[in-house]
PDB file of all heavy atoms in Angstrom:
ATOM      1  N   THR A   1       0.838  -1.213   0.005  1.00  0.00           N
ATOM      2  CA  THR A   1       0.008   0.000  -0.013  1.00  0.00           C
ATOM      3  C   THR A   1       0.867   1.257  -0.007  1.00  0.00           C
ATOM      4  O   THR A   1       0.624   2.204  -0.756  1.00  0.00           O
ATOM      5  CB  THR A   1      -0.927   0.005   1.247  1.00  0.00           C
ATOM      6  OG1 THR A   1      -1.754  -1.150   1.193  1.00  0.00           O
ATOM      7  CG2 THR A   1      -1.779   1.268   1.230  1.00  0.00           C
ATOM      8  N   ARG A   2       1.884   1.263   0.851  1.00  0.00           N
ATOM      9  CA  ARG A   2       2.797   2.420   0.879  1.00  0.00           C
ATOM     10  C   ARG A   2       3.438   2.620  -0.477  1.00  0.00           C
ATOM     11  O   ARG A   2       3.541   3.757  -0.976  1.00  0.00           O
ATOM     12  CB  ARG A   2       3.903   2.171   1.938  1.00  0.00           C
ATOM     13  CG  ARG A   2       3.499   2.438   3.345  1.00  0.00           C
ATOM     14  CD  ARG A   2       4.771   2.691   4.197  1.00  0.00           C
ATOM     15  NE  ARG A   2       4.530   2.443   5.611  1.00  0.00           N
ATOM     16  CZ  ARG A   2       4.744   1.301   6.201  1.00  0.00           C
ATOM     17  NH1 ARG A   2       5.211   0.261   5.534  1.00  0.00           N
ATOM     18  NH2 ARG A   2       4.508   1.171   7.517  1.00  0.00           N
ATOM     19  N   GLU A   3       3.912   1.561  -1.069  1.00  0.00           N
ATOM     20  CA  GLU A   3       4.617   1.657  -2.352  1.00  0.00           C
ATOM     21  C   GLU A   3       3.716   2.189  -3.444  1.00  0.00           C
ATOM     22  O   GLU A   3       4.138   3.031  -4.252  1.00  0.00           O
ATOM     23  CB  GLU A   3       5.167   0.278  -2.761  1.00  0.00           C
ATOM     24  CG  GLU A   3       5.992   0.297  -4.045  1.00  0.00           C
ATOM     25  CD  GLU A   3       6.509  -1.080  -4.397  1.00  0.00           C
ATOM     26  OE1 GLU A   3       6.402  -2.005  -3.559  1.00  0.00           O
ATOM     27  OE2 GLU A   3       7.085  -1.207  -5.501  1.00  0.00           O
ATOM     28  N   ILE A   4       2.468   1.757  -3.480  1.00  0.00           N
ATOM     29  CA  ILE A   4       1.576   2.153  -4.553  1.00  0.00           C
ATOM     30  C   ILE A   4       1.072   3.572  -4.378  1.00  0.00           C
ATOM     31  O   ILE A   4       0.778   4.273  -5.362  1.00  0.00           O
ATOM     32  CB  ILE A   4       0.397   1.143  -4.681  1.00  0.00           C
ATOM     33  CG1 ILE A   4      -0.118   1.094  -6.120  1.00  0.00           C
ATOM     34  CG2 ILE A   4      -0.704   1.432  -3.694  1.00  0.00           C
ATOM     35  CD1 ILE A   4      -1.037  -0.062  -6.379  1.00  0.00           C
ATOM     36  N   LEU A   5       1.043   4.059  -3.103  1.00  0.00           N
ATOM     37  CA  LEU A   5       0.596   5.429  -2.870  1.00  0.00           C
ATOM     38  C   LEU A   5       1.742   6.417  -2.865  1.00  0.00           C
ATOM     39  O   LEU A   5       1.536   7.636  -2.952  1.00  0.00           O
ATOM     40  CB  LEU A   5      -0.133   5.517  -1.497  1.00  0.00           C
ATOM     41  CG  LEU A   5      -1.488   4.831  -1.408  1.00  0.00           C
ATOM     42  CD1 LEU A   5      -1.981   4.901   0.024  1.00  0.00           C
ATOM     43  CD2 LEU A   5      -2.508   5.463  -2.334  1.00  0.00           C
ATOM     44  N   ALA A   6       2.985   5.915  -2.798  1.00  0.00           N
ATOM     45  CA  ALA A   6       4.147   6.756  -2.656  1.00  0.00           C
ATOM     46  C   ALA A   6       4.275   7.883  -3.689  1.00  0.00           C
ATOM     47  O   ALA A   6       4.555   9.030  -3.311  1.00  0.00           O
ATOM     48  CB  ALA A   6       5.423   5.909  -2.642  1.00  0.00           C
ATOM     49  N   PRO A   7       4.015   7.604  -4.981  1.00  0.00           N
ATOM     50  CA  PRO A   7       4.170   8.712  -5.960  1.00  0.00           C
ATOM     51  C   PRO A   7       3.275   9.900  -5.657  1.00  0.00           C
ATOM     52  O   PRO A   7       3.688  11.053  -5.809  1.00  0.00           O
ATOM     53  CB  PRO A   7       3.773   8.048  -7.289  1.00  0.00           C
ATOM     54  CG  PRO A   7       4.037   6.585  -7.075  1.00  0.00           C
ATOM     55  CD  PRO A   7       3.698   6.339  -5.646  1.00  0.00           C
ATOM     56  N   PHE A   8       2.041   9.638  -5.176  1.00  0.00           N
ATOM     57  CA  PHE A   8       1.110  10.732  -4.852  1.00  0.00           C
ATOM     58  C   PHE A   8       1.607  11.480  -3.600  1.00  0.00           C
ATOM     59  O   PHE A   8       1.628  12.693  -3.576  1.00  0.00           O
ATOM     60  CB  PHE A   8      -0.290  10.202  -4.595  1.00  0.00           C
ATOM     61  CG  PHE A   8      -0.958   9.640  -5.802  1.00  0.00           C
ATOM     62  CD1 PHE A   8      -1.214   8.266  -5.923  1.00  0.00           C
ATOM     63  CD2 PHE A   8      -1.383  10.462  -6.852  1.00  0.00           C
ATOM     64  CE1 PHE A   8      -1.857   7.753  -7.021  1.00  0.00           C
ATOM     65  CE2 PHE A   8      -2.007   9.954  -7.980  1.00  0.00           C
ATOM     66  CZ  PHE A   8      -2.241   8.610  -8.042  1.00  0.00           C
ATOM     67  N   LEU A   9       1.958  10.734  -2.572  1.00  0.00           N
ATOM     68  CA  LEU A   9       2.302  11.337  -1.318  1.00  0.00           C
ATOM     69  C   LEU A   9       3.638  12.067  -1.412  1.00  0.00           C
ATOM     70  O   LEU A   9       3.809  13.152  -0.825  1.00  0.00           O
ATOM     71  CB  LEU A   9       2.376  10.270  -0.235  1.00  0.00           C
ATOM     72  CG  LEU A   9       1.059   9.482   0.003  1.00  0.00           C
ATOM     73  CD1 LEU A   9       1.227   8.386   1.027  1.00  0.00           C
ATOM     74  CD2 LEU A   9      -0.073  10.426   0.431  1.00  0.00           C
ATOM     75  N   ASP A  10       4.583  11.515  -2.144  1.00  0.00           N
ATOM     76  CA  ASP A  10       5.864  12.187  -2.343  1.00  0.00           C
ATOM     77  C   ASP A  10       5.723  13.522  -3.055  1.00  0.00           C
ATOM     78  O   ASP A  10       6.516  14.452  -2.868  1.00  0.00           O
ATOM     79  CB  ASP A  10       6.846  11.285  -3.111  1.00  0.00           C
ATOM     80  CG  ASP A  10       7.296  10.061  -2.337  1.00  0.00           C
ATOM     81  OD1 ASP A  10       7.095  10.053  -1.099  1.00  0.00           O
ATOM     82  OD2 ASP A  10       7.836   9.145  -2.930  1.00  0.00           O
ATOM     83  N   PHE A  11       4.696  13.611  -3.891  1.00  0.00           N
ATOM     84  CA  PHE A  11       4.454  14.841  -4.643  1.00  0.00           C
ATOM     85  C   PHE A  11       3.833  15.925  -3.760  1.00  0.00           C
ATOM     86  O   PHE A  11       3.803  17.098  -4.131  1.00  0.00           O
ATOM     87  CB  PHE A  11       3.544  14.548  -5.829  1.00  0.00           C
ATOM     88  CG  PHE A  11       3.359  15.707  -6.765  1.00  0.00           C
ATOM     89  CD1 PHE A  11       4.413  16.114  -7.578  1.00  0.00           C
ATOM     90  CD2 PHE A  11       2.168  16.403  -6.802  1.00  0.00           C
ATOM     91  CE1 PHE A  11       4.258  17.224  -8.416  1.00  0.00           C
ATOM     92  CE2 PHE A  11       2.017  17.484  -7.674  1.00  0.00           C
ATOM     93  CZ  PHE A  11       3.046  17.890  -8.492  1.00  0.00           C
ATOM     94  N   GLY A  12       3.319  15.524  -2.589  1.00  0.00           N
ATOM     95  CA  GLY A  12       2.712  16.503  -1.706  1.00  0.00           C
ATOM     96  C   GLY A  12       1.206  16.433  -1.635  1.00  0.00           C
ATOM     97  O   GLY A  12       0.547  17.297  -1.038  1.00  0.00           O
ATOM     98  N   LEU A  13       0.625  15.389  -2.298  1.00  0.00           N
ATOM     99  CA  LEU A  13      -0.851  15.243  -2.188  1.00  0.00           C
ATOM    100  C   LEU A  13      -1.182  14.605  -0.850  1.00  0.00           C
ATOM    101  O   LEU A  13      -0.415  13.786  -0.334  1.00  0.00           O
ATOM    102  CB  LEU A  13      -1.364  14.379  -3.328  1.00  0.00           C
ATOM    103  CG  LEU A  13      -0.980  14.795  -4.734  1.00  0.00           C
ATOM    104  CD1 LEU A  13      -1.703  13.953  -5.779  1.00  0.00           C
ATOM    105  CD2 LEU A  13      -1.290  16.287  -5.015  1.00  0.00           C
ATOM    106  N   ARG A  14      -2.318  14.975  -0.280  1.00  0.00           N
ATOM    107  CA  ARG A  14      -2.719  14.401   1.001  1.00  0.00           C
ATOM    108  C   ARG A  14      -3.678  13.264   0.799  1.00  0.00           C
ATOM    109  O   ARG A  14      -4.285  13.087  -0.261  1.00  0.00           O
ATOM    110  CB  ARG A  14      -3.344  15.524   1.864  1.00  0.00           C
ATOM    111  CG  ARG A  14      -2.314  16.489   2.397  1.00  0.00           C
ATOM    112  CD  ARG A  14      -2.931  17.642   3.166  1.00  0.00           C
ATOM    113  NE  ARG A  14      -3.599  18.562   2.260  1.00  0.00           N
ATOM    114  CZ  ARG A  14      -4.336  19.629   2.660  1.00  0.00           C
ATOM    115  NH1 ARG A  14      -4.481  19.831   3.970  1.00  0.00           N
ATOM    116  NH2 ARG A  14      -4.882  20.443   1.796  1.00  0.00           N
ATOM    117  N   LEU A  15      -3.845  12.465   1.866  1.00  0.00           N
ATOM    118  CA  LEU A  15      -4.600  11.227   1.786  1.00  0.00           C
ATOM    119  C   LEU A  15      -5.815  11.286   2.684  1.00  0.00           C
ATOM    120  O   LEU A  15      -5.724  11.680   3.866  1.00  0.00           O
ATOM    121  CB  LEU A  15      -3.707  10.027   2.200  1.00  0.00           C
ATOM    122  CG  LEU A  15      -4.361   8.655   2.239  1.00  0.00           C
ATOM    123  CD1 LEU A  15      -4.848   8.217   0.852  1.00  0.00           C
ATOM    124  CD2 LEU A  15      -3.365   7.635   2.799  1.00  0.00           C
ATOM    125  N   ALA A  16      -6.977  10.900   2.142  1.00  0.00           N
ATOM    126  CA  ALA A  16      -8.208  10.777   2.911  1.00  0.00           C
ATOM    127  C   ALA A  16      -8.711   9.327   2.815  1.00  0.00           C
ATOM    128  O   ALA A  16      -8.651   8.720   1.715  1.00  0.00           O
ATOM    129  CB  ALA A  16      -9.276  11.722   2.414  1.00  0.00           C
ATOM    130  N   ILE A  17      -9.176   8.775   3.939  1.00  0.00           N
ATOM    131  CA  ILE A  17      -9.801   7.464   3.929  1.00  0.00           C
ATOM    132  C   ILE A  17     -11.303   7.675   3.842  1.00  0.00           C
ATOM    133  O   ILE A  17     -11.937   8.318   4.699  1.00  0.00           O
ATOM    134  CB  ILE A  17      -9.452   6.651   5.188  1.00  0.00           C
ATOM    135  CG1 ILE A  17      -7.963   6.544   5.381  1.00  0.00           C
ATOM    136  CG2 ILE A  17     -10.097   5.276   5.123  1.00  0.00           C
ATOM    137  CD1 ILE A  17      -7.236   5.832   4.238  1.00  0.00           C
ATOM    138  N   ASP A  18     -11.925   7.135   2.764  1.00  0.00           N
ATOM    139  CA  ASP A  18     -13.338   7.325   2.551  1.00  0.00           C
ATOM    140  C   ASP A  18     -14.151   6.157   3.180  1.00  0.00           C
ATOM    141  O   ASP A  18     -13.589   5.065   3.384  1.00  0.00           O
ATOM    142  CB  ASP A  18     -13.607   7.365   1.034  1.00  0.00           C
ATOM    143  CG  ASP A  18     -14.986   7.866   0.677  1.00  0.00           C
ATOM    144  OD1 ASP A  18     -15.650   8.483   1.549  1.00  0.00           O
ATOM    145  OD2 ASP A  18     -15.434   7.647  -0.442  1.00  0.00           O
ATOM    146  N   ASP A  19     -15.403   6.399   3.432  1.00  0.00           N
ATOM    147  CA  ASP A  19     -16.339   5.379   3.976  1.00  0.00           C
ATOM    148  C   ASP A  19     -15.775   4.777   5.245  1.00  0.00           C
ATOM    149  O   ASP A  19     -15.919   3.561   5.491  1.00  0.00           O
ATOM    150  CB  ASP A  19     -16.588   4.282   2.930  1.00  0.00           C
ATOM    151  CG  ASP A  19     -17.264   4.804   1.694  1.00  0.00           C
ATOM    152  OD1 ASP A  19     -17.912   5.844   1.784  1.00  0.00           O
ATOM    153  OD2 ASP A  19     -17.159   4.155   0.618  1.00  0.00           O
ATOM    154  N   PHE A  20     -15.116   5.563   6.064  1.00  0.00           N
ATOM    155  CA  PHE A  20     -14.520   5.020   7.304  1.00  0.00           C
ATOM    156  C   PHE A  20     -15.633   4.612   8.253  1.00  0.00           C
ATOM    157  O   PHE A  20     -16.603   5.359   8.474  1.00  0.00           O
ATOM    158  CB  PHE A  20     -13.595   6.022   7.950  1.00  0.00           C
ATOM    159  CG  PHE A  20     -12.756   5.451   9.065  1.00  0.00           C
ATOM    160  CD1 PHE A  20     -11.612   4.763   8.755  1.00  0.00           C
ATOM    161  CD2 PHE A  20     -13.134   5.568  10.367  1.00  0.00           C
ATOM    162  CE1 PHE A  20     -10.826   4.200   9.762  1.00  0.00           C
ATOM    163  CE2 PHE A  20     -12.365   5.019  11.396  1.00  0.00           C
ATOM    164  CZ  PHE A  20     -11.207   4.330  11.091  1.00  0.00           C
ATOM    165  N   GLY A  21     -15.450   3.444   8.882  1.00  0.00           N
ATOM    166  CA  GLY A  21     -16.452   2.947   9.820  1.00  0.00           C
ATOM    167  C   GLY A  21     -17.202   1.753   9.340  1.00  0.00           C
ATOM    168  O   GLY A  21     -17.956   1.147  10.098  1.00  0.00           O
ATOM    169  N   VAL A  22     -17.034   1.417   8.034  1.00  0.00           N
ATOM    170  CA  VAL A  22     -17.622   0.184   7.519  1.00  0.00           C
ATOM    171  C   VAL A  22     -16.500  -0.616   6.853  1.00  0.00           C
ATOM    172  O   VAL A  22     -15.384  -0.118   6.669  1.00  0.00           O
ATOM    173  CB  VAL A  22     -18.743   0.478   6.484  1.00  0.00           C
ATOM    174  CG1 VAL A  22     -19.883   1.177   7.123  1.00  0.00           C
ATOM    175  CG2 VAL A  22     -18.182   1.282   5.326  1.00  0.00           C
ATOM    176  N   GLY A  23     -16.832  -1.802   6.425  1.00  0.00           N
ATOM    177  CA  GLY A  23     -15.785  -2.601   5.773  1.00  0.00           C
ATOM    178  C   GLY A  23     -14.752  -3.084   6.746  1.00  0.00           C
ATOM    179  O   GLY A  23     -15.059  -3.541   7.846  1.00  0.00           O
ATOM    180  N   TYR A  24     -13.474  -2.945   6.392  1.00  0.00           N
ATOM    181  CA  TYR A  24     -12.406  -3.532   7.162  1.00  0.00           C
ATOM    182  C   TYR A  24     -12.085  -2.701   8.436  1.00  0.00           C
ATOM    183  O   TYR A  24     -11.752  -3.252   9.486  1.00  0.00           O
ATOM    184  CB  TYR A  24     -11.149  -3.655   6.319  1.00  0.00           C
ATOM    185  CG  TYR A  24     -11.322  -4.508   5.109  1.00  0.00           C
ATOM    186  CD1 TYR A  24     -11.399  -3.927   3.842  1.00  0.00           C
ATOM    187  CD2 TYR A  24     -11.477  -5.885   5.217  1.00  0.00           C
ATOM    188  CE1 TYR A  24     -11.578  -4.725   2.701  1.00  0.00           C
ATOM    189  CE2 TYR A  24     -11.660  -6.671   4.095  1.00  0.00           C
ATOM    190  CZ  TYR A  24     -11.717  -6.088   2.843  1.00  0.00           C
ATOM    191  OH  TYR A  24     -11.896  -6.853   1.755  1.00  0.00           O
ATOM    192  N   SER A  25     -12.167  -1.392   8.336  1.00  0.00           N
ATOM    193  CA  SER A  25     -11.898  -0.497   9.490  1.00  0.00           C
ATOM    194  C   SER A  25     -10.597  -0.910  10.190  1.00  0.00           C
ATOM    195  O   SER A  25     -10.546  -1.059  11.405  1.00  0.00           O
ATOM    196  CB  SER A  25     -13.054  -0.526  10.478  1.00  0.00           C
ATOM    197  OG  SER A  25     -14.203   0.023   9.903  1.00  0.00           O
ATOM    198  N   SER A  26      -9.536  -1.125   9.434  1.00  0.00           N
ATOM    199  CA  SER A  26      -8.268  -1.501  10.001  1.00  0.00           C
ATOM    200  C   SER A  26      -7.553  -0.252  10.530  1.00  0.00           C
ATOM    201  O   SER A  26      -7.211   0.649   9.767  1.00  0.00           O
ATOM    202  CB  SER A  26      -7.393  -2.196   8.969  1.00  0.00           C
ATOM    203  OG  SER A  26      -6.124  -2.450   9.506  1.00  0.00           O
ATOM    204  N   LEU A  27      -7.323  -0.219  11.847  1.00  0.00           N
ATOM    205  CA  LEU A  27      -6.672   0.947  12.450  1.00  0.00           C
ATOM    206  C   LEU A  27      -5.168   0.980  12.160  1.00  0.00           C
ATOM    207  O   LEU A  27      -4.525   2.012  12.360  1.00  0.00           O
ATOM    208  CB  LEU A  27      -6.885   0.924  13.955  1.00  0.00           C
ATOM    209  CG  LEU A  27      -8.377   0.978  14.386  1.00  0.00           C
ATOM    210  CD1 LEU A  27      -8.486   0.966  15.889  1.00  0.00           C
ATOM    211  CD2 LEU A  27      -9.052   2.206  13.788  1.00  0.00           C
ATOM    212  N   ASN A  28      -4.607  -0.113  11.628  1.00  0.00           N
ATOM    213  CA  ASN A  28      -3.193  -0.126  11.274  1.00  0.00           C
ATOM    214  C   ASN A  28      -2.869   0.955  10.248  1.00  0.00           C
ATOM    215  O   ASN A  28      -1.790   1.561  10.304  1.00  0.00           O
ATOM    216  CB  ASN A  28      -2.802  -1.500  10.674  1.00  0.00           C
ATOM    217  CG  ASN A  28      -2.661  -2.551  11.733  1.00  0.00           C
ATOM    218  OD1 ASN A  28      -2.501  -2.239  12.921  1.00  0.00           O
ATOM    219  ND2 ASN A  28      -2.740  -3.822  11.350  1.00  0.00           N
ATOM    220  N   TYR A  29      -3.836   1.203   9.322  1.00  0.00           N
ATOM    221  CA  TYR A  29      -3.574   2.182   8.304  1.00  0.00           C
ATOM    222  C   TYR A  29      -3.454   3.569   8.895  1.00  0.00           C
ATOM    223  O   TYR A  29      -2.691   4.406   8.423  1.00  0.00           O
ATOM    224  CB  TYR A  29      -4.677   2.150   7.245  1.00  0.00           C
ATOM    225  CG  TYR A  29      -4.630   0.888   6.428  1.00  0.00           C
ATOM    226  CD1 TYR A  29      -5.576  -0.107   6.571  1.00  0.00           C
ATOM    227  CD2 TYR A  29      -3.604   0.693   5.491  1.00  0.00           C
ATOM    228  CE1 TYR A  29      -5.514  -1.278   5.804  1.00  0.00           C
ATOM    229  CE2 TYR A  29      -3.540  -0.457   4.725  1.00  0.00           C
ATOM    230  CZ  TYR A  29      -4.512  -1.437   4.901  1.00  0.00           C
ATOM    231  OH  TYR A  29      -4.442  -2.583   4.153  1.00  0.00           O
TER     232      TYR A  29
END
C-alpha cells in the first residue's frame, strides 16, 4: 500500500480514507 501510494504522497498530495467505519476498518492504516 505504501509503495503504490508513494508517488502521490511524495508529490505533496494528501490522503483521505473514505467510507470510514464500515468494511475492514483497520486501524493499522
